[in-house]
PDB file of N, CA and C in Angstrom:
ATOM      1  N   MET A   1       0.834  -1.160   0.006  1.00  0.00           N
ATOM      2  CA  MET A   1       0.007   0.033  -0.015  1.00  0.00           C
ATOM      3  C   MET A   1       0.913   1.256  -0.004  1.00  0.00           C
ATOM      4  N   THR A   2       0.593   2.194  -0.871  1.00  0.00           N
ATOM      5  CA  THR A   2       1.369   3.418  -0.890  1.00  0.00           C
ATOM      6  C   THR A   2       0.446   4.560  -0.450  1.00  0.00           C
ATOM      7  N   PHE A   3       1.059   5.542   0.166  1.00  0.00           N
ATOM      8  CA  PHE A   3       0.385   6.694   0.610  1.00  0.00           C
ATOM      9  C   PHE A   3       0.783   7.867  -0.273  1.00  0.00           C
ATOM     10  N   ARG A   4      -0.132   8.735  -0.563  1.00  0.00           N
ATOM     11  CA  ARG A   4       0.177   9.893  -1.355  1.00  0.00           C
ATOM     12  C   ARG A   4       0.409  11.056  -0.413  1.00  0.00           C
ATOM     13  N   SER A   5       1.252  12.013  -0.832  1.00  0.00           N
ATOM     14  CA  SER A   5       1.547  13.124   0.066  1.00  0.00           C
ATOM     15  C   SER A   5       0.456  14.098   0.160  1.00  0.00           C
ATOM     16  N   ARG A   6      -0.444  14.079  -0.850  1.00  0.00           N
ATOM     17  CA  ARG A   6      -1.579  15.028  -0.836  1.00  0.00           C
ATOM     18  C   ARG A   6      -2.841  14.282  -1.263  1.00  0.00           C
ATOM     19  N   THR A   7      -3.947  14.857  -0.870  1.00  0.00           N
ATOM     20  CA  THR A   7      -5.213  14.286  -1.376  1.00  0.00           C
ATOM     21  C   THR A   7      -5.447  14.810  -2.761  1.00  0.00           C
ATOM     22  N   ARG A   8      -6.548  14.421  -3.383  1.00  0.00           N
ATOM     23  CA  ARG A   8      -6.789  14.902  -4.736  1.00  0.00           C
ATOM     24  C   ARG A   8      -6.921  16.378  -4.865  1.00  0.00           C
ATOM     25  N   SER A   9      -7.336  17.056  -3.796  1.00  0.00           N
ATOM     26  CA  SER A   9      -7.477  18.499  -3.779  1.00  0.00           C
ATOM     27  C   SER A   9      -6.124  19.218  -3.608  1.00  0.00           C
ATOM     28  N   GLY A  10      -5.042  18.441  -3.401  1.00  0.00           N
ATOM     29  CA  GLY A  10      -3.764  19.054  -3.262  1.00  0.00           C
ATOM     30  C   GLY A  10      -3.347  19.345  -1.798  1.00  0.00           C
ATOM     31  N   LYS A  11      -4.206  18.947  -0.893  1.00  0.00           N
ATOM     32  CA  LYS A  11      -3.936  19.226   0.530  1.00  0.00           C
ATOM     33  C   LYS A  11      -3.370  17.993   1.207  1.00  0.00           C
ATOM     34  N   LEU A  12      -2.699  18.186   2.296  1.00  0.00           N
ATOM     35  CA  LEU A  12      -2.212  17.038   3.075  1.00  0.00           C
ATOM     36  C   LEU A  12      -3.392  16.353   3.794  1.00  0.00           C
ATOM     37  N   THR A  13      -3.250  15.087   4.046  1.00  0.00           N
ATOM     38  CA  THR A  13      -4.241  14.372   4.816  1.00  0.00           C
ATOM     39  C   THR A  13      -4.133  14.788   6.272  1.00  0.00           C
ATOM     40  N   GLN A  14      -5.164  14.479   7.042  1.00  0.00           N
ATOM     41  CA  GLN A  14      -5.156  14.841   8.468  1.00  0.00           C
ATOM     42  C   GLN A  14      -3.974  14.126   9.202  1.00  0.00           C
ATOM     43  N   GLU A  15      -3.758  12.868   8.823  1.00  0.00           N
ATOM     44  CA  GLU A  15      -2.663  12.122   9.436  1.00  0.00           C
ATOM     45  C   GLU A  15      -1.285  12.796   9.124  1.00  0.00           C
ATOM     46  N   GLN A  16      -1.134  13.254   7.907  1.00  0.00           N
ATOM     47  CA  GLN A  16       0.154  13.873   7.556  1.00  0.00           C
ATOM     48  C   GLN A  16       0.257  15.251   8.290  1.00  0.00           C
ATOM     49  N   GLN A  17      -0.820  15.979   8.411  1.00  0.00           N
ATOM     50  CA  GLN A  17      -0.783  17.242   9.189  1.00  0.00           C
ATOM     51  C   GLN A  17      -0.436  17.018  10.603  1.00  0.00           C
ATOM     52  N   ASP A  18      -0.999  15.914  11.193  1.00  0.00           N
ATOM     53  CA  ASP A  18      -0.708  15.587  12.603  1.00  0.00           C
ATOM     54  C   ASP A  18       0.772  15.239  12.793  1.00  0.00           C
ATOM     55  N   ILE A  19       1.336  14.475  11.869  1.00  0.00           N
ATOM     56  CA  ILE A  19       2.743  14.132  11.927  1.00  0.00           C
ATOM     57  C   ILE A  19       3.615  15.403  11.865  1.00  0.00           C
ATOM     58  N   LEU A  20       3.286  16.319  10.945  1.00  0.00           N
ATOM     59  CA  LEU A  20       4.041  17.557  10.794  1.00  0.00           C
ATOM     60  C   LEU A  20       3.913  18.416  12.080  1.00  0.00           C
ATOM     61  N   THR A  21       2.750  18.408  12.649  1.00  0.00           N
ATOM     62  CA  THR A  21       2.543  19.166  13.923  1.00  0.00           C
ATOM     63  C   THR A  21       3.427  18.553  15.002  1.00  0.00           C
ATOM     64  N   MET A  22       3.457  17.239  15.123  1.00  0.00           N
ATOM     65  CA  MET A  22       4.279  16.590  16.130  1.00  0.00           C
ATOM     66  C   MET A  22       5.781  16.859  15.890  1.00  0.00           C
ATOM     67  N   LEU A  23       6.181  16.803  14.640  1.00  0.00           N
ATOM     68  CA  LEU A  23       7.580  17.138  14.295  1.00  0.00           C
ATOM     69  C   LEU A  23       7.959  18.572  14.769  1.00  0.00           C
ATOM     70  N   SER A  24       7.076  19.482  14.495  1.00  0.00           N
ATOM     71  CA  SER A  24       7.318  20.850  14.876  1.00  0.00           C
ATOM     72  C   SER A  24       7.381  20.985  16.381  1.00  0.00           C
ATOM     73  N   GLN A  25       6.421  20.355  17.071  1.00  0.00           N
ATOM     74  CA  GLN A  25       6.376  20.413  18.532  1.00  0.00           C
ATOM     75  C   GLN A  25       7.645  19.824  19.175  1.00  0.00           C
ATOM     76  N   VAL A  26       8.079  18.648  18.730  1.00  0.00           N
ATOM     77  CA  VAL A  26       9.281  18.022  19.274  1.00  0.00           C
ATOM     78  C   VAL A  26      10.508  18.844  18.956  1.00  0.00           C
ATOM     79  N   SER A  27      10.533  19.441  17.790  1.00  0.00           N
ATOM     80  CA  SER A  27      11.667  20.276  17.394  1.00  0.00           C
ATOM     81  C   SER A  27      11.770  21.491  18.404  1.00  0.00           C
ATOM     82  N   HIS A  28      10.665  22.091  18.731  1.00  0.00           N
ATOM     83  CA  HIS A  28      10.694  23.224  19.705  1.00  0.00           C
ATOM     84  C   HIS A  28      11.115  22.735  21.046  1.00  0.00           C
ATOM     85  N   GLU A  29      10.599  21.576  21.493  1.00  0.00           N
ATOM     86  CA  GLU A  29      10.987  21.065  22.776  1.00  0.00           C
ATOM     87  C   GLU A  29      12.476  20.707  22.835  1.00  0.00           C
ATOM     88  N   LEU A  30      12.962  20.187  21.714  1.00  0.00           N
ATOM     89  CA  LEU A  30      14.361  19.826  21.664  1.00  0.00           C
ATOM     90  C   LEU A  30      15.270  21.113  21.753  1.00  0.00           C
ATOM     91  N   ARG A  31      14.861  22.102  21.078  1.00  0.00           N
ATOM     92  CA  ARG A  31      15.546  23.397  21.177  1.00  0.00           C
ATOM     93  C   ARG A  31      15.562  23.944  22.616  1.00  0.00           C
ATOM     94  N   ALA A  32      14.456  23.801  23.287  1.00  0.00           N
ATOM     95  CA  ALA A  32      14.360  24.275  24.689  1.00  0.00           C
ATOM     96  C   ALA A  32      15.197  23.407  25.585  1.00  0.00           C
ATOM     97  N   ALA A  33      15.212  22.128  25.358  1.00  0.00           N
ATOM     98  CA  ALA A  33      16.019  21.181  26.189  1.00  0.00           C
ATOM     99  C   ALA A  33      17.536  21.468  26.001  1.00  0.00           C
ATOM    100  N   ARG A  34      17.944  21.804  24.762  1.00  0.00           N
ATOM    101  CA  ARG A  34      19.341  22.155  24.505  1.00  0.00           C
ATOM    102  C   ARG A  34      19.694  23.489  25.244  1.00  0.00           C
ATOM    103  N   ASN A  35      18.812  24.379  25.209  1.00  0.00           N
ATOM    104  CA  ASN A  35      19.089  25.678  25.926  1.00  0.00           C
ATOM    105  C   ASN A  35      19.160  25.435  27.441  1.00  0.00           C
ATOM    106  N   GLU A  36      18.310  24.587  27.941  1.00  0.00           N
ATOM    107  CA  GLU A  36      18.364  24.217  29.369  1.00  0.00           C
ATOM    108  C   GLU A  36      19.658  23.541  29.706  1.00  0.00           C
ATOM    109  N   PHE A  37      20.119  22.657  28.803  1.00  0.00           N
ATOM    110  CA  PHE A  37      21.433  21.993  29.005  1.00  0.00           C
ATOM    111  C   PHE A  37      22.569  22.979  29.098  1.00  0.00           C
ATOM    112  N   ASN A  38      22.496  23.950  28.210  1.00  0.00           N
ATOM    113  CA  ASN A  38      23.552  24.995  28.203  1.00  0.00           C
ATOM    114  C   ASN A  38      23.634  25.822  29.463  1.00  0.00           C
ATOM    115  N   LEU A  39      22.508  25.927  30.154  1.00  0.00           N
ATOM    116  CA  LEU A  39      22.402  26.730  31.386  1.00  0.00           C
ATOM    117  C   LEU A  39      22.613  25.853  32.651  1.00  0.00           C
ATOM    118  N   ALA A  40      22.583  24.572  32.560  1.00  0.00           N
ATOM    119  CA  ALA A  40      22.685  23.659  33.734  1.00  0.00           C
ATOM    120  C   ALA A  40      24.105  23.730  34.247  1.00  0.00           C
ATOM    121  N   THR A  41      24.197  23.809  35.618  1.00  0.00           N
ATOM    122  CA  THR A  41      25.486  23.849  36.239  1.00  0.00           C
ATOM    123  C   THR A  41      25.776  22.687  37.206  1.00  0.00           C
ATOM    124  N   GLU A  42      24.691  22.090  37.728  1.00  0.00           N
ATOM    125  CA  GLU A  42      24.802  20.984  38.613  1.00  0.00           C
ATOM    126  C   GLU A  42      24.871  19.680  37.843  1.00  0.00           C
ATOM    127  N   PRO A  43      25.737  18.741  38.230  1.00  0.00           N
ATOM    128  CA  PRO A  43      25.886  17.487  37.523  1.00  0.00           C
ATOM    129  C   PRO A  43      24.554  16.722  37.308  1.00  0.00           C
ATOM    130  N   GLU A  44      23.694  16.740  38.371  1.00  0.00           N
ATOM    131  CA  GLU A  44      22.441  16.038  38.236  1.00  0.00           C
ATOM    132  C   GLU A  44      21.535  16.664  37.185  1.00  0.00           C
ATOM    133  N   LEU A  45      21.534  17.983  37.076  1.00  0.00           N
ATOM    134  CA  LEU A  45      20.738  18.678  36.085  1.00  0.00           C
ATOM    135  C   LEU A  45      21.285  18.398  34.694  1.00  0.00           C
ATOM    136  N   VAL A  46      22.616  18.371  34.575  1.00  0.00           N
ATOM    137  CA  VAL A  46      23.204  18.116  33.250  1.00  0.00           C
ATOM    138  C   VAL A  46      22.794  16.736  32.828  1.00  0.00           C
ATOM    139  N   GLU A  47      22.844  15.762  33.732  1.00  0.00           N
ATOM    140  CA  GLU A  47      22.487  14.422  33.400  1.00  0.00           C
ATOM    141  C   GLU A  47      21.037  14.313  32.969  1.00  0.00           C
ATOM    142  N   ALA A  48      20.140  14.972  33.697  1.00  0.00           N
ATOM    143  CA  ALA A  48      18.734  14.995  33.351  1.00  0.00           C
ATOM    144  C   ALA A  48      18.508  15.606  31.988  1.00  0.00           C
ATOM    145  N   CYS A  49      19.207  16.662  31.668  1.00  0.00           N
ATOM    146  CA  CYS A  49      19.066  17.293  30.357  1.00  0.00           C
ATOM    147  C   CYS A  49      19.540  16.370  29.277  1.00  0.00           C
ATOM    148  N   VAL A  50      20.592  15.595  29.488  1.00  0.00           N
ATOM    149  CA  VAL A  50      21.102  14.679  28.496  1.00  0.00           C
ATOM    150  C   VAL A  50      20.040  13.610  28.196  1.00  0.00           C
ATOM    151  N   TYR A  51      19.397  13.083  29.255  1.00  0.00           N
ATOM    152  CA  TYR A  51      18.323  12.102  29.076  1.00  0.00           C
ATOM    153  C   TYR A  51      17.142  12.700  28.293  1.00  0.00           C
ATOM    154  N   LYS A  52      16.771  13.958  28.661  1.00  0.00           N
ATOM    155  CA  LYS A  52      15.676  14.602  27.982  1.00  0.00           C
ATOM    156  C   LYS A  52      15.987  14.787  26.479  1.00  0.00           C
ATOM    157  N   ILE A  53      17.178  15.235  26.191  1.00  0.00           N
ATOM    158  CA  ILE A  53      17.548  15.484  24.788  1.00  0.00           C
ATOM    159  C   ILE A  53      17.574  14.183  24.005  1.00  0.00           C
ATOM    160  N   ASN A  54      18.105  13.096  24.667  1.00  0.00           N
ATOM    161  CA  ASN A  54      18.114  11.814  23.934  1.00  0.00           C
ATOM    162  C   ASN A  54      16.665  11.339  23.671  1.00  0.00           C
ATOM    163  N   ALA A  55      15.780  11.526  24.621  1.00  0.00           N
ATOM    164  CA  ALA A  55      14.404  11.052  24.408  1.00  0.00           C
ATOM    165  C   ALA A  55      13.739  11.885  23.308  1.00  0.00           C
ATOM    166  N   LEU A  56      13.940  13.152  23.298  1.00  0.00           N
ATOM    167  CA  LEU A  56      13.392  14.033  22.242  1.00  0.00           C
ATOM    168  C   LEU A  56      13.985  13.689  20.897  1.00  0.00           C
ATOM    169  N   GLN A  57      15.231  13.380  20.834  1.00  0.00           N
ATOM    170  CA  GLN A  57      15.849  12.991  19.566  1.00  0.00           C
ATOM    171  C   GLN A  57      15.236  11.702  19.056  1.00  0.00           C
ATOM    172  N   ALA A  58      14.952  10.773  19.905  1.00  0.00           N
ATOM    173  CA  ALA A  58      14.336   9.527  19.493  1.00  0.00           C
ATOM    174  C   ALA A  58      12.921   9.810  18.969  1.00  0.00           C
ATOM    175  N   GLN A  59      12.180  10.680  19.636  1.00  0.00           N
ATOM    176  CA  GLN A  59      10.826  11.020  19.191  1.00  0.00           C
ATOM    177  C   GLN A  59      10.893  11.702  17.823  1.00  0.00           C
ATOM    178  N   TYR A  60      11.853  12.594  17.628  1.00  0.00           N
ATOM    179  CA  TYR A  60      11.992  13.307  16.335  1.00  0.00           C
ATOM    180  C   TYR A  60      12.301  12.320  15.252  1.00  0.00           C
ATOM    181  N   ALA A  61      13.195  11.361  15.556  1.00  0.00           N
ATOM    182  CA  ALA A  61      13.541  10.369  14.493  1.00  0.00           C
ATOM    183  C   ALA A  61      12.361   9.498  14.167  1.00  0.00           C
ATOM    184  N   TYR A  62      11.573   9.146  15.155  1.00  0.00           N
ATOM    185  CA  TYR A  62      10.322   8.362  14.888  1.00  0.00           C
ATOM    186  C   TYR A  62       9.386   9.130  13.984  1.00  0.00           C
ATOM    187  N   TYR A  63       9.053  10.377  14.328  1.00  0.00           N
ATOM    188  CA  TYR A  63       8.128  11.150  13.459  1.00  0.00           C
ATOM    189  C   TYR A  63       8.725  11.416  12.132  1.00  0.00           C
ATOM    190  N   SER A  64      10.016  11.561  11.987  1.00  0.00           N
ATOM    191  CA  SER A  64      10.660  11.767  10.680  1.00  0.00           C
ATOM    192  C   SER A  64      10.482  10.541   9.807  1.00  0.00           C
ATOM    193  N   ARG A  65      10.694   9.385  10.426  1.00  0.00           N
ATOM    194  CA  ARG A  65      10.534   8.111   9.686  1.00  0.00           C
ATOM    195  C   ARG A  65       9.069   7.976   9.243  1.00  0.00           C
ATOM    196  N   LEU A  66       8.137   8.318  10.126  1.00  0.00           N
ATOM    197  CA  LEU A  66       6.758   8.244   9.797  1.00  0.00           C
ATOM    198  C   LEU A  66       6.371   9.201   8.672  1.00  0.00           C
ATOM    199  N   ALA A  67       6.930  10.402   8.676  1.00  0.00           N
ATOM    200  CA  ALA A  67       6.623  11.382   7.630  1.00  0.00           C
ATOM    201  C   ALA A  67       7.204  10.867   6.304  1.00  0.00           C
ATOM    202  N   LYS A  68       8.348  10.271   6.379  1.00  0.00           N
ATOM    203  CA  LYS A  68       8.965   9.701   5.156  1.00  0.00           C
ATOM    204  C   LYS A  68       8.099   8.566   4.622  1.00  0.00           C
ATOM    205  N   HIS A  69       7.605   7.748   5.498  1.00  0.00           N
ATOM    206  CA  HIS A  69       6.726   6.624   5.103  1.00  0.00           C
ATOM    207  C   HIS A  69       5.417   7.151   4.453  1.00  0.00           C
ATOM    208  N   LEU A  70       4.942   8.253   4.952  1.00  0.00           N
ATOM    209  CA  LEU A  70       3.737   8.895   4.414  1.00  0.00           C
ATOM    210  C   LEU A  70       4.032   9.804   3.205  1.00  0.00           C
ATOM    211  N   GLU A  71       5.290   9.816   2.838  1.00  0.00           N
ATOM    212  CA  GLU A  71       5.722  10.556   1.671  1.00  0.00           C
ATOM    213  C   GLU A  71       5.491  12.057   1.755  1.00  0.00           C
ATOM    214  N   VAL A  72       5.711  12.620   2.965  1.00  0.00           N
ATOM    215  CA  VAL A  72       5.672  14.059   3.128  1.00  0.00           C
ATOM    216  C   VAL A  72       7.059  14.551   2.802  1.00  0.00           C
ATOM    217  N   SER A  73       7.175  15.451   1.882  1.00  0.00           N
ATOM    218  CA  SER A  73       8.508  15.871   1.375  1.00  0.00           C
ATOM    219  C   SER A  73       9.338  16.587   2.433  1.00  0.00           C
ATOM    220  N   GLN A  74      10.653  16.455   2.320  1.00  0.00           N
ATOM    221  CA  GLN A  74      11.552  17.077   3.263  1.00  0.00           C
ATOM    222  C   GLN A  74      11.371  18.553   3.211  1.00  0.00           C
ATOM    223  N   ASP A  75      11.183  19.225   2.075  1.00  0.00           N
ATOM    224  CA  ASP A  75      11.009  20.659   1.963  1.00  0.00           C
ATOM    225  C   ASP A  75       9.796  21.091   2.740  1.00  0.00           C
ATOM    226  N   PHE A  76       8.729  20.348   2.639  1.00  0.00           N
ATOM    227  CA  PHE A  76       7.481  20.722   3.413  1.00  0.00           C
ATOM    228  C   PHE A  76       7.717  20.536   4.900  1.00  0.00           C
ATOM    229  N   ARG A  77       8.426  19.501   5.290  1.00  0.00           N
ATOM    230  CA  ARG A  77       8.718  19.319   6.745  1.00  0.00           C
ATOM    231  C   ARG A  77       9.544  20.464   7.258  1.00  0.00           C
ATOM    232  N   GLN A  78      10.543  20.935   6.459  1.00  0.00           N
ATOM    233  CA  GLN A  78      11.351  22.041   6.929  1.00  0.00           C
ATOM    234  C   GLN A  78      10.552  23.334   7.011  1.00  0.00           C
ATOM    235  N   GLN A  79       9.667  23.556   6.007  1.00  0.00           N
ATOM    236  CA  GLN A  79       8.826  24.755   6.035  1.00  0.00           C
ATOM    237  C   GLN A  79       7.903  24.699   7.212  1.00  0.00           C
ATOM    238  N   GLN A  80       7.357  23.550   7.540  1.00  0.00           N
ATOM    239  CA  GLN A  80       6.482  23.376   8.701  1.00  0.00           C
ATOM    240  C   GLN A  80       7.226  23.736   9.936  1.00  0.00           C
ATOM    241  N   ALA A  81       8.392  23.231  10.074  1.00  0.00           N
ATOM    242  CA  ALA A  81       9.257  23.465  11.271  1.00  0.00           C
ATOM    243  C   ALA A  81       9.487  24.934  11.523  1.00  0.00           C
ATOM    244  N   PHE A  82       9.579  25.684  10.437  1.00  0.00           N
ATOM    245  CA  PHE A  82       9.786  27.144  10.549  1.00  0.00           C
ATOM    246  C   PHE A  82       8.526  27.961  10.440  1.00  0.00           C
ATOM    247  N   GLY A  83       7.394  27.350  10.462  1.00  0.00           N
ATOM    248  CA  GLY A  83       6.082  28.059  10.474  1.00  0.00           C
ATOM    249  C   GLY A  83       5.702  28.586   9.118  1.00  0.00           C
ATOM    250  N   ARG A  84       6.291  28.038   8.028  1.00  0.00           N
ATOM    251  CA  ARG A  84       5.944  28.604   6.689  1.00  0.00           C
ATOM    252  C   ARG A  84       5.354  27.425   5.874  1.00  0.00           C
ATOM    253  N   ALA A  85       4.469  26.733   6.452  1.00  0.00           N
ATOM    254  CA  ALA A  85       3.928  25.525   5.806  1.00  0.00           C
ATOM    255  C   ALA A  85       2.954  25.880   4.655  1.00  0.00           C
ATOM    256  N   LEU A  86       3.494  26.056   3.476  1.00  0.00           N
ATOM    257  CA  LEU A  86       2.672  26.367   2.302  1.00  0.00           C
ATOM    258  C   LEU A  86       3.061  25.328   1.250  1.00  0.00           C
ATOM    259  N   LEU A  87       2.080  24.745   0.620  1.00  0.00           N
ATOM    260  CA  LEU A  87       2.329  23.812  -0.404  1.00  0.00           C
ATOM    261  C   LEU A  87       2.689  24.598  -1.684  1.00  0.00           C
ATOM    262  N   PRO A  88       3.691  24.095  -2.405  1.00  0.00           N
ATOM    263  CA  PRO A  88       4.046  24.769  -3.709  1.00  0.00           C
ATOM    264  C   PRO A  88       2.951  24.597  -4.715  1.00  0.00           C
ATOM    265  N   PRO A  89       2.778  25.572  -5.597  1.00  0.00           N
ATOM    266  CA  PRO A  89       1.722  25.411  -6.602  1.00  0.00           C
ATOM    267  C   PRO A  89       2.025  24.208  -7.518  1.00  0.00           C
ATOM    268  N   ASP A  90       0.990  23.571  -7.975  1.00  0.00           N
ATOM    269  CA  ASP A  90       1.151  22.395  -8.860  1.00  0.00           C
ATOM    270  C   ASP A  90       1.531  22.840 -10.287  1.00  0.00           C
TER     271      ASP A  90
END
């Protein structure tokens, strides 16, 4: 079974939109976790930040694989991550 990146009307399916939303959310959380890591001074906090970053990277990898499986283009994923999610004209 193959999935198309857009429906017949040229729009993403709800499932694809949900995946892109999760990618964007995890990306923002990862950025925040890295900032938190940069500010941590206590060894326990540094360790906790490392675990958090690793978990978020695993989530991001999962959603990226899922987006690839659903044939959502890399360009569209990057645009979504930066809040410029517009489909190119056909």
